Amino acid sequence: MASVKLKPGESQEQLLRRFRKRVTNAGILSTVRRKRWHISKSELRRIEKKKAIRRARRRQRKAVARGGL
């Protein structure tokens, strides 16, 4: 859990900015978004396979655009 304490002479905006930075660096929001709904292992594998296919196609298009096959 990310926590911050108010430093002497620090404004509320600065405190909030430090808190947001800690939350982002800790990866809390991405974890919460990922775990918001349960995804079965088979569904996760299917999604990852789909992403891999898209990456491969994108790389292939870039290679063709550069003039190589």
PDB file of N, CA and C in Angstrom:
ATOM      1  N   MET A   1       0.842  -1.174   0.000  1.00  0.00           N
ATOM      2  CA  MET A   1       0.000   0.000   0.000  1.00  0.00           C
ATOM      3  C   MET A   1       0.886   1.236   0.000  1.00  0.00           C
ATOM      4  N   ALA A   2       0.608   2.164  -0.874  1.00  0.00           N
ATOM      5  CA  ALA A   2       1.364   3.398  -0.961  1.00  0.00           C
ATOM      6  C   ALA A   2       0.841   4.381   0.076  1.00  0.00           C
ATOM      7  N   SER A   3       1.753   4.998   0.788  1.00  0.00           N
ATOM      8  CA  SER A   3       1.344   6.006   1.762  1.00  0.00           C
ATOM      9  C   SER A   3       2.356   7.140   1.758  1.00  0.00           C
ATOM     10  N   VAL A   4       1.871   8.322   2.049  1.00  0.00           N
ATOM     11  CA  VAL A   4       2.726   9.501   2.135  1.00  0.00           C
ATOM     12  C   VAL A   4       2.331  10.303   3.364  1.00  0.00           C
ATOM     13  N   LYS A   5       3.299  10.994   3.930  1.00  0.00           N
ATOM     14  CA  LYS A   5       3.033  11.863   5.077  1.00  0.00           C
ATOM     15  C   LYS A   5       3.303  13.298   4.660  1.00  0.00           C
ATOM     16  N   LEU A   6       2.504  14.185   5.183  1.00  0.00           N
ATOM     17  CA  LEU A   6       2.631  15.598   4.870  1.00  0.00           C
ATOM     18  C   LEU A   6       3.935  16.136   5.442  1.00  0.00           C
ATOM     19  N   LYS A   7       4.760  16.705   4.569  1.00  0.00           N
ATOM     20  CA  LYS A   7       6.019  17.312   5.002  1.00  0.00           C
ATOM     21  C   LYS A   7       5.739  18.747   5.444  1.00  0.00           C
ATOM     22  N   PRO A   8       6.564  19.289   6.324  1.00  0.00           N
ATOM     23  CA  PRO A   8       6.357  20.681   6.760  1.00  0.00           C
ATOM     24  C   PRO A   8       6.423  21.642   5.572  1.00  0.00           C
ATOM     25  N   GLY A   9       5.438  22.494   5.471  1.00  0.00           N
ATOM     26  CA  GLY A   9       5.401  23.492   4.408  1.00  0.00           C
ATOM     27  C   GLY A   9       4.951  22.945   3.059  1.00  0.00           C
ATOM     28  N   GLU A  10       4.484  21.705   3.015  1.00  0.00           N
ATOM     29  CA  GLU A  10       4.061  21.100   1.756  1.00  0.00           C
ATOM     30  C   GLU A  10       2.561  21.333   1.547  1.00  0.00           C
ATOM     31  N   SER A  11       2.188  21.704   0.327  1.00  0.00           N
ATOM     32  CA  SER A  11       0.770  21.939   0.038  1.00  0.00           C
ATOM     33  C   SER A  11       0.058  20.607  -0.218  1.00  0.00           C
ATOM     34  N   GLN A  12      -1.263  20.675  -0.201  1.00  0.00           N
ATOM     35  CA  GLN A  12      -2.065  19.478  -0.453  1.00  0.00           C
ATOM     36  C   GLN A  12      -1.856  18.960  -1.879  1.00  0.00           C
ATOM     37  N   GLU A  13      -1.654  19.880  -2.826  1.00  0.00           N
ATOM     38  CA  GLU A  13      -1.430  19.484  -4.213  1.00  0.00           C
ATOM     39  C   GLU A  13      -0.125  18.715  -4.355  1.00  0.00           C
ATOM     40  N   GLN A  14       0.922  19.195  -3.670  1.00  0.00           N
ATOM     41  CA  GLN A  14       2.210  18.502  -3.727  1.00  0.00           C
ATOM     42  C   GLN A  14       2.115  17.118  -3.087  1.00  0.00           C
ATOM     43  N   LEU A  15       1.386  17.034  -1.979  1.00  0.00           N
ATOM     44  CA  LEU A  15       1.191  15.758  -1.302  1.00  0.00           C
ATOM     45  C   LEU A  15       0.458  14.779  -2.220  1.00  0.00           C
ATOM     46  N   LEU A  16      -0.593  15.254  -2.867  1.00  0.00           N
ATOM     47  CA  LEU A  16      -1.358  14.411  -3.774  1.00  0.00           C
ATOM     48  C   LEU A  16      -0.503  13.966  -4.961  1.00  0.00           C
ATOM     49  N   ARG A  17       0.326  14.868  -5.469  1.00  0.00           N
ATOM     50  CA  ARG A  17       1.211  14.543  -6.587  1.00  0.00           C
ATOM     51  C   ARG A  17       2.198  13.443  -6.194  1.00  0.00           C
ATOM     52  N   ARG A  18       2.770  13.539  -4.979  1.00  0.00           N
ATOM     53  CA  ARG A  18       3.696  12.507  -4.497  1.00  0.00           C
ATOM     54  C   ARG A  18       2.989  11.168  -4.335  1.00  0.00           C
ATOM     55  N   PHE A  19       1.754  11.212  -3.820  1.00  0.00           N
ATOM     56  CA  PHE A  19       0.981   9.986  -3.638  1.00  0.00           C
ATOM     57  C   PHE A  19       0.697   9.316  -4.982  1.00  0.00           C
ATOM     58  N   ARG A  20       0.254  10.101  -5.949  1.00  0.00           N
ATOM     59  CA  ARG A  20      -0.033   9.547  -7.276  1.00  0.00           C
ATOM     60  C   ARG A  20       1.212   8.917  -7.890  1.00  0.00           C
ATOM     61  N   LYS A  21       2.354   9.569  -7.717  1.00  0.00           N
ATOM     62  CA  LYS A  21       3.599   9.039  -8.262  1.00  0.00           C
ATOM     63  C   LYS A  21       3.948   7.703  -7.615  1.00  0.00           C
ATOM     64  N   ARG A  22       3.766   7.598  -6.304  1.00  0.00           N
ATOM     65  CA  ARG A  22       4.052   6.337  -5.607  1.00  0.00           C
ATOM     66  C   ARG A  22       3.109   5.229  -6.051  1.00  0.00           C
ATOM     67  N   VAL A  23       1.839   5.569  -6.218  1.00  0.00           N
ATOM     68  CA  VAL A  23       0.861   4.574  -6.670  1.00  0.00           C
ATOM     69  C   VAL A  23       1.231   4.081  -8.067  1.00  0.00           C
ATOM     70  N   THR A  24       1.608   4.995  -8.946  1.00  0.00           N
ATOM     71  CA  THR A  24       1.993   4.629 -10.304  1.00  0.00           C
ATOM     72  C   THR A  24       3.234   3.754 -10.295  1.00  0.00           C
ATOM     73  N   ASN A  25       4.246   4.150  -9.543  1.00  0.00           N
ATOM     74  CA  ASN A  25       5.490   3.380  -9.495  1.00  0.00           C
ATOM     75  C   ASN A  25       5.287   2.003  -8.881  1.00  0.00           C
ATOM     76  N   ALA A  26       4.369   1.890  -7.948  1.00  0.00           N
ATOM     77  CA  ALA A  26       4.107   0.600  -7.306  1.00  0.00           C
ATOM     78  C   ALA A  26       3.273  -0.314  -8.202  1.00  0.00           C
ATOM     79  N   GLY A  27       2.655   0.239  -9.242  1.00  0.00           N
ATOM     80  CA  GLY A  27       1.851  -0.567 -10.156  1.00  0.00           C
ATOM     81  C   GLY A  27       0.517  -0.990  -9.571  1.00  0.00           C
ATOM     82  N   ILE A  28       0.033  -0.242  -8.612  1.00  0.00           N
ATOM     83  CA  ILE A  28      -1.209  -0.605  -7.926  1.00  0.00           C
ATOM     84  C   ILE A  28      -2.411  -0.519  -8.866  1.00  0.00           C
ATOM     85  N   LEU A  29      -2.499   0.558  -9.642  1.00  0.00           N
ATOM     86  CA  LEU A  29      -3.658   0.726 -10.522  1.00  0.00           C
ATOM     87  C   LEU A  29      -3.717  -0.350 -11.597  1.00  0.00           C
ATOM     88  N   SER A  30      -2.566  -0.689 -12.174  1.00  0.00           N
ATOM     89  CA  SER A  30      -2.580  -1.732 -13.206  1.00  0.00           C
ATOM     90  C   SER A  30      -2.983  -3.074 -12.615  1.00  0.00           C
ATOM     91  N   THR A  31      -2.558  -3.342 -11.386  1.00  0.00           N
ATOM     92  CA  THR A  31      -2.943  -4.587 -10.718  1.00  0.00           C
ATOM     93  C   THR A  31      -4.440  -4.615 -10.455  1.00  0.00           C
ATOM     94  N   VAL A  32      -4.981  -3.510  -9.991  1.00  0.00           N
ATOM     95  CA  VAL A  32      -6.417  -3.445  -9.704  1.00  0.00           C
ATOM     96  C   VAL A  32      -7.219  -3.625 -10.984  1.00  0.00           C
ATOM     97  N   ARG A  33      -6.804  -2.958 -12.057  1.00  0.00           N
ATOM     98  CA  ARG A  33      -7.524  -3.095 -13.322  1.00  0.00           C
ATOM     99  C   ARG A  33      -7.461  -4.533 -13.831  1.00  0.00           C
ATOM    100  N   ARG A  34      -6.300  -5.156 -13.693  1.00  0.00           N
ATOM    101  CA  ARG A  34      -6.129  -6.522 -14.175  1.00  0.00           C
ATOM    102  C   ARG A  34      -6.965  -7.511 -13.369  1.00  0.00           C
ATOM    103  N   LYS A  35      -7.081  -7.281 -12.068  1.00  0.00           N
ATOM    104  CA  LYS A  35      -7.789  -8.218 -11.207  1.00  0.00           C
ATOM    105  C   LYS A  35      -9.248  -7.842 -10.968  1.00  0.00           C
ATOM    106  N   ARG A  36      -9.733  -6.871 -11.702  1.00  0.00           N
ATOM    107  CA  ARG A  36     -11.109  -6.422 -11.511  1.00  0.00           C
ATOM    108  C   ARG A  36     -12.104  -7.537 -11.801  1.00  0.00           C
ATOM    109  N   TRP A  37     -11.826  -8.316 -12.847  1.00  0.00           N
ATOM    110  CA  TRP A  37     -12.643  -9.474 -13.186  1.00  0.00           C
ATOM    111  C   TRP A  37     -11.746 -10.693 -13.245  1.00  0.00           C
ATOM    112  N   HIS A  38     -12.306 -11.840 -12.888  1.00  0.00           N
ATOM    113  CA  HIS A  38     -11.539 -13.082 -12.948  1.00  0.00           C
ATOM    114  C   HIS A  38     -11.438 -13.544 -14.398  1.00  0.00           C
ATOM    115  N   ILE A  39     -10.233 -13.882 -14.826  1.00  0.00           N
ATOM    116  CA  ILE A  39     -10.009 -14.417 -16.162  1.00  0.00           C
ATOM    117  C   ILE A  39      -9.396 -15.800 -15.993  1.00  0.00           C
ATOM    118  N   SER A  40     -10.027 -16.799 -16.597  1.00  0.00           N
ATOM    119  CA  SER A  40      -9.527 -18.164 -16.468  1.00  0.00           C
ATOM    120  C   SER A  40      -8.183 -18.296 -17.191  1.00  0.00           C
ATOM    121  N   LYS A  41      -7.437 -19.336 -16.853  1.00  0.00           N
ATOM    122  CA  LYS A  41      -6.128 -19.541 -17.468  1.00  0.00           C
ATOM    123  C   LYS A  41      -6.242 -19.742 -18.967  1.00  0.00           C
ATOM    124  N   SER A  42      -7.259 -20.476 -19.398  1.00  0.00           N
ATOM    125  CA  SER A  42      -7.423 -20.714 -20.832  1.00  0.00           C
ATOM    126  C   SER A  42      -7.733 -19.408 -21.566  1.00  0.00           C
ATOM    127  N   GLU A  43      -8.541 -18.565 -20.965  1.00  0.00           N
ATOM    128  CA  GLU A  43      -8.859 -17.268 -21.563  1.00  0.00           C
ATOM    129  C   GLU A  43      -7.613 -16.388 -21.613  1.00  0.00           C
ATOM    130  N   LEU A  44      -6.815 -16.417 -20.558  1.00  0.00           N
ATOM    131  CA  LEU A  44      -5.580 -15.638 -20.509  1.00  0.00           C
ATOM    132  C   LEU A  44      -4.613 -16.098 -21.598  1.00  0.00           C
ATOM    133  N   ARG A  45      -4.486 -17.417 -21.776  1.00  0.00           N
ATOM    134  CA  ARG A  45      -3.619 -17.948 -22.835  1.00  0.00           C
ATOM    135  C   ARG A  45      -4.116 -17.507 -24.207  1.00  0.00           C
ATOM    136  N   ARG A  46      -5.421 -17.533 -24.404  1.00  0.00           N
ATOM    137  CA  ARG A  46      -5.996 -17.131 -25.686  1.00  0.00           C
ATOM    138  C   ARG A  46      -5.701 -15.659 -25.973  1.00  0.00           C
ATOM    139  N   ILE A  47      -5.832 -14.825 -24.963  1.00  0.00           N
ATOM    140  CA  ILE A  47      -5.555 -13.392 -25.111  1.00  0.00           C
ATOM    141  C   ILE A  47      -4.087 -13.161 -25.434  1.00  0.00           C
ATOM    142  N   GLU A  48      -3.190 -13.849 -24.717  1.00  0.00           N
ATOM    143  CA  GLU A  48      -1.752 -13.691 -24.954  1.00  0.00           C
ATOM    144  C   GLU A  48      -1.371 -14.162 -26.356  1.00  0.00           C
ATOM    145  N   LYS A  49      -1.973 -15.252 -26.817  1.00  0.00           N
ATOM    146  CA  LYS A  49      -1.696 -15.760 -28.158  1.00  0.00           C
ATOM    147  C   LYS A  49      -2.141 -14.747 -29.208  1.00  0.00           C
ATOM    148  N   LYS A  50      -3.303 -14.153 -28.985  1.00  0.00           N
ATOM    149  CA  LYS A  50      -3.825 -13.144 -29.897  1.00  0.00           C
ATOM    150  C   LYS A  50      -2.883 -11.934 -29.966  1.00  0.00           C
ATOM    151  N   LYS A  51      -2.373 -11.511 -28.801  1.00  0.00           N
ATOM    152  CA  LYS A  51      -1.432 -10.390 -28.759  1.00  0.00           C
ATOM    153  C   LYS A  51      -0.154 -10.722 -29.511  1.00  0.00           C
ATOM    154  N   ALA A  52       0.338 -11.959 -29.345  1.00  0.00           N
ATOM    155  CA  ALA A  52       1.566 -12.383 -30.019  1.00  0.00           C
ATOM    156  C   ALA A  52       1.383 -12.370 -31.531  1.00  0.00           C
ATOM    157  N   ILE A  53       0.225 -12.809 -32.000  1.00  0.00           N
ATOM    158  CA  ILE A  53      -0.056 -12.805 -33.438  1.00  0.00           C
ATOM    159  C   ILE A  53      -0.071 -11.376 -33.966  1.00  0.00           C
ATOM    160  N   ARG A  54      -0.689 -10.467 -33.224  1.00  0.00           N
ATOM    161  CA  ARG A  54      -0.732  -9.065 -33.647  1.00  0.00           C
ATOM    162  C   ARG A  54       0.669  -8.463 -33.703  1.00  0.00           C
ATOM    163  N   ARG A  55       1.507  -8.783 -32.689  1.00  0.00           N
ATOM    164  CA  ARG A  55       2.888  -8.280 -32.686  1.00  0.00           C
ATOM    165  C   ARG A  55       3.653  -8.797 -33.897  1.00  0.00           C
ATOM    166  N   ALA A  56       3.498 -10.085 -34.210  1.00  0.00           N
ATOM    167  CA  ALA A  56       4.201 -10.680 -35.345  1.00  0.00           C
ATOM    168  C   ALA A  56       3.767 -10.021 -36.653  1.00  0.00           C
ATOM    169  N   ARG A  57       2.467  -9.800 -36.813  1.00  0.00           N
ATOM    170  CA  ARG A  57       1.972  -9.151 -38.031  1.00  0.00           C
ATOM    171  C   ARG A  57       2.504  -7.732 -38.149  1.00  0.00           C
ATOM    172  N   ARG A  58       2.544  -7.018 -37.027  1.00  0.00           N
ATOM    173  CA  ARG A  58       3.050  -5.648 -37.030  1.00  0.00           C
ATOM    174  C   ARG A  58       4.523  -5.622 -37.429  1.00  0.00           C
ATOM    175  N   ARG A  59       5.314  -6.547 -36.854  1.00  0.00           N
ATOM    176  CA  ARG A  59       6.735  -6.624 -37.210  1.00  0.00           C
ATOM    177  C   ARG A  59       6.912  -6.941 -38.686  1.00  0.00           C
ATOM    178  N   GLN A  60       6.087  -7.843 -39.202  1.00  0.00           N
ATOM    179  CA  GLN A  60       6.181  -8.224 -40.601  1.00  0.00           C
ATOM    180  C   GLN A  60       5.846  -7.038 -41.506  1.00  0.00           C
ATOM    181  N   ARG A  61       4.808  -6.280 -41.163  1.00  0.00           N
ATOM    182  CA  ARG A  61       4.455  -5.103 -41.962  1.00  0.00           C
ATOM    183  C   ARG A  61       5.585  -4.083 -41.963  1.00  0.00           C
ATOM    184  N   LYS A  62       6.223  -3.884 -40.807  1.00  0.00           N
ATOM    185  CA  LYS A  62       7.328  -2.930 -40.734  1.00  0.00           C
ATOM    186  C   LYS A  62       8.503  -3.396 -41.576  1.00  0.00           C
ATOM    187  N   ALA A  63       8.778  -4.699 -41.556  1.00  0.00           N
ATOM    188  CA  ALA A  63       9.884  -5.238 -42.342  1.00  0.00           C
ATOM    189  C   ALA A  63       9.619  -5.058 -43.831  1.00  0.00           C
ATOM    190  N   VAL A  64       8.393  -5.297 -44.263  1.00  0.00           N
ATOM    191  CA  VAL A  64       8.035  -5.129 -45.669  1.00  0.00           C
ATOM    192  C   VAL A  64       8.120  -3.657 -46.048  1.00  0.00           C
ATOM    193  N   ALA A  65       7.703  -2.779 -45.165  1.00  0.00           N
ATOM    194  CA  ALA A  65       7.749  -1.343 -45.438  1.00  0.00           C
ATOM    195  C   ALA A  65       9.187  -0.854 -45.589  1.00  0.00           C
ATOM    196  N   ARG A  66      10.112  -1.495 -44.861  1.00  0.00           N
ATOM    197  CA  ARG A  66      11.524  -1.112 -44.968  1.00  0.00           C
ATOM    198  C   ARG A  66      12.185  -1.703 -46.204  1.00  0.00           C
ATOM    199  N   GLY A  67      11.479  -2.594 -46.893  1.00  0.00           N
ATOM    200  CA  GLY A  67      12.020  -3.145 -48.128  1.00  0.00           C
ATOM    201  C   GLY A  67      12.584  -4.541 -47.993  1.00  0.00           C
ATOM    202  N   GLY A  68      12.482  -5.151 -46.858  1.00  0.00           N
ATOM    203  CA  GLY A  68      12.992  -6.512 -46.677  1.00  0.00           C
ATOM    204  C   GLY A  68      11.864  -7.484 -46.459  1.00  0.00           C
ATOM    205  N   LEU A  69      12.103  -8.730 -46.830  1.00  0.00           N
ATOM    206  CA  LEU A  69      11.069  -9.748 -46.614  1.00  0.00           C
ATOM    207  C   LEU A  69      11.507 -10.689 -45.586  1.00  0.00           C
TER     208      LEU A  69
END
